[in-house]
């Protein structure tokens, strides 16, 4: 599962970075609103990766029969992946390490996503800083 979710995160990273590079290949300065929307889109893209990763773990719980319903599997997976750990659903003794592994997996992948967001913010604002500023009447004063 850790390999599967790492592949998911990697695929979303490749696609997200490619999208950012396309947007930043423009040779003109972007408004603060467009820069913010670009970053928001990138964050939502990474959140979608997290959703897929949580669902992947949830499907494992269902296939193994350690939970009784899809809702319970998704809930349990989300609580573990985010390291929230309510403890209101507890797996049978022989499966309990799965939850701990999922929590460790989630912690690492959230770190990966956080690092990507940090880099994306740098890229977007460095891109704008390097371009010459052409004032238009609707621009804010410098």
Protein backbone atom coordinates (compact mmCIF):
# COMPACT_ATOMS: atom_id res chain seq x y z
CA UNK A 1 0.00 0.00 0.00
CA UNK A 2 2.84 2.36 0.75
CA UNK A 3 4.28 1.72 -2.72
CA UNK A 4 0.85 2.24 -4.31
CA UNK A 5 0.18 5.52 -2.52
CA UNK A 6 3.71 6.74 -3.25
CA UNK A 7 3.11 6.06 -6.95
CA UNK A 8 -0.17 8.01 -6.74
CA UNK A 9 1.59 10.94 -5.06
CA UNK A 10 4.38 10.80 -7.64
CA UNK A 11 1.94 10.80 -10.56
CA UNK A 12 0.03 13.77 -9.14
CA UNK A 13 3.33 15.55 -8.49
CA UNK A 14 4.51 15.08 -12.08
CA UNK A 15 1.19 16.32 -13.49
CA UNK A 16 0.92 19.22 -11.03
CA UNK A 17 4.48 20.44 -11.62
CA UNK A 18 3.95 20.20 -15.39
CA UNK A 19 0.81 22.35 -15.03
CA UNK A 20 2.70 24.92 -12.96
CA UNK A 21 5.55 25.05 -15.47
CA UNK A 22 3.09 25.61 -18.33
CA UNK A 23 1.47 28.46 -16.44
CA UNK A 24 4.83 29.96 -15.53
CA UNK A 25 6.19 29.73 -19.08
CA UNK A 26 4.25 32.88 -19.93
CA UNK A 27 6.54 35.86 -20.37
CA UNK A 28 4.23 38.29 -18.67
CA UNK A 29 3.58 39.22 -15.09
CA UNK A 30 0.48 37.70 -13.50
CA UNK A 31 -1.89 39.54 -11.22
CA UNK A 32 -1.87 38.60 -7.55
CA UNK A 33 -5.32 37.09 -8.01
CA UNK A 34 -4.16 34.86 -10.89
CA UNK A 35 -1.08 33.81 -8.93
CA UNK A 36 -3.22 32.97 -5.92
CA UNK A 37 -5.71 31.03 -8.06
CA UNK A 38 -2.86 29.09 -9.65
CA UNK A 39 -1.57 28.13 -6.22
CA UNK A 40 -5.07 27.27 -5.00
CA UNK A 41 -5.55 25.00 -8.00
CA UNK A 42 -2.25 23.29 -7.22
CA UNK A 43 -3.24 22.74 -3.58
CA UNK A 44 -6.61 21.31 -4.63
CA UNK A 45 -4.81 19.02 -7.09
CA UNK A 46 -2.63 17.69 -4.26
CA UNK A 47 -5.71 17.29 -2.08
CA UNK A 48 -7.22 15.13 -4.82
CA UNK A 49 -4.09 12.95 -4.62
CA UNK A 50 -4.74 12.55 -0.90
CA UNK A 51 -8.35 11.54 -1.58
CA UNK A 52 -7.15 8.83 -3.98
CA UNK A 53 -4.61 7.63 -1.44
CA UNK A 54 -7.21 7.44 1.33
CA UNK A 55 -9.57 5.53 -0.97
CA UNK A 56 -6.78 3.12 -1.89
CA UNK A 57 -6.30 2.25 1.78
CA UNK A 58 -10.08 2.05 2.25
CA UNK A 59 -10.35 -0.48 -0.59
CA UNK A 60 -7.70 -2.61 1.11
CA UNK A 61 -9.73 -2.63 4.34
CA UNK A 62 -12.81 -3.71 2.40
CA UNK A 63 -11.01 -6.43 0.44
CA UNK A 64 -9.51 -7.82 3.64
CA UNK A 65 -12.92 -7.69 5.32
CA UNK A 66 -11.60 -5.76 8.33
CA UNK A 67 -14.48 -3.26 8.12
CA UNK A 68 -18.12 -3.82 7.24
CA UNK A 69 -18.99 -1.00 4.82
CA UNK A 70 -17.54 1.44 2.30
CA UNK A 71 -18.42 4.38 4.55
CA UNK A 72 -16.66 2.77 7.50
CA UNK A 73 -13.61 1.98 5.34
CA UNK A 74 -13.33 5.55 4.05
CA UNK A 75 -13.89 7.03 7.50
CA UNK A 76 -11.35 4.73 9.16
CA UNK A 77 -8.83 5.36 6.37
CA UNK A 78 -9.26 9.14 6.55
CA UNK A 79 -8.87 9.18 10.33
CA UNK A 80 -5.69 7.10 10.07
CA UNK A 81 -4.15 8.75 6.99
CA UNK A 82 -4.51 12.19 8.55
CA UNK A 83 -3.15 10.83 11.86
CA UNK A 84 -6.27 12.13 13.60
CA UNK A 85 -6.79 8.74 15.19
CA UNK A 86 -10.17 9.03 16.92
CA UNK A 87 -10.03 5.40 17.97
CA UNK A 88 -13.79 4.87 17.61
CA UNK A 89 -13.14 2.06 15.10
CA UNK A 90 -10.54 -0.47 16.12
CA UNK A 91 -9.31 -3.24 13.86
CA UNK A 92 -9.04 -6.83 14.96
CA UNK A 93 -5.76 -7.66 16.71
CA UNK A 94 -4.25 -9.33 13.60
CA UNK A 95 -4.88 -6.22 11.43
CA UNK A 96 -4.17 -3.38 13.86
CA UNK A 97 -0.71 -2.60 12.47
CA UNK A 98 -2.34 -1.60 9.16
CA UNK A 99 -3.75 1.54 10.77
CA UNK A 100 -0.34 2.48 12.14
CA UNK A 101 1.30 1.92 8.76
CA UNK A 102 -1.35 4.04 7.09
CA UNK A 103 -0.76 6.84 9.59
CA UNK A 104 2.99 6.76 8.92
CA UNK A 105 2.29 6.71 5.18
CA UNK A 106 -0.09 9.66 5.45
CA UNK A 107 2.36 11.66 7.54
CA UNK A 108 5.10 11.25 4.95
CA UNK A 109 2.83 12.02 2.00
CA UNK A 110 1.43 15.13 3.70
CA UNK A 111 5.04 16.23 4.17
CA UNK A 112 5.68 15.63 0.48
CA UNK A 113 2.62 17.69 -0.48
CA UNK A 114 3.55 20.46 1.94
CA UNK A 115 7.05 20.67 0.47
CA UNK A 116 5.55 20.89 -3.03
CA UNK A 117 3.23 23.73 -2.01
CA UNK A 118 6.17 25.61 -0.50
CA UNK A 119 8.17 25.22 -3.74
CA UNK A 120 5.14 26.20 -5.84
CA UNK A 121 4.72 29.44 -3.88
CA UNK A 122 8.40 30.22 -4.46
CA UNK A 123 8.15 29.46 -8.19
CA UNK A 124 5.05 31.59 -8.72
CA UNK A 125 6.35 34.65 -6.90
CA UNK A 126 9.92 34.32 -8.23
CA UNK A 127 8.48 34.13 -11.75
CA UNK A 128 6.64 37.41 -11.26
CA UNK A 129 9.58 39.08 -9.54
CA UNK A 130 11.93 38.34 -12.45
CA UNK A 131 9.65 39.80 -15.13
CA UNK A 132 9.64 43.49 -15.97
CA UNK A 133 6.67 45.33 -14.59
CA UNK A 134 4.54 47.23 -17.10
CA UNK A 135 2.11 49.56 -15.42
CA UNK A 136 -1.43 49.74 -16.64
CA UNK A 137 -4.05 52.14 -15.42
CA UNK A 138 -5.82 49.32 -13.52
CA UNK A 139 -2.61 48.21 -11.72
CA UNK A 140 -1.95 49.12 -8.15
CA UNK A 141 0.74 51.78 -7.63
CA UNK A 142 4.25 50.42 -7.07
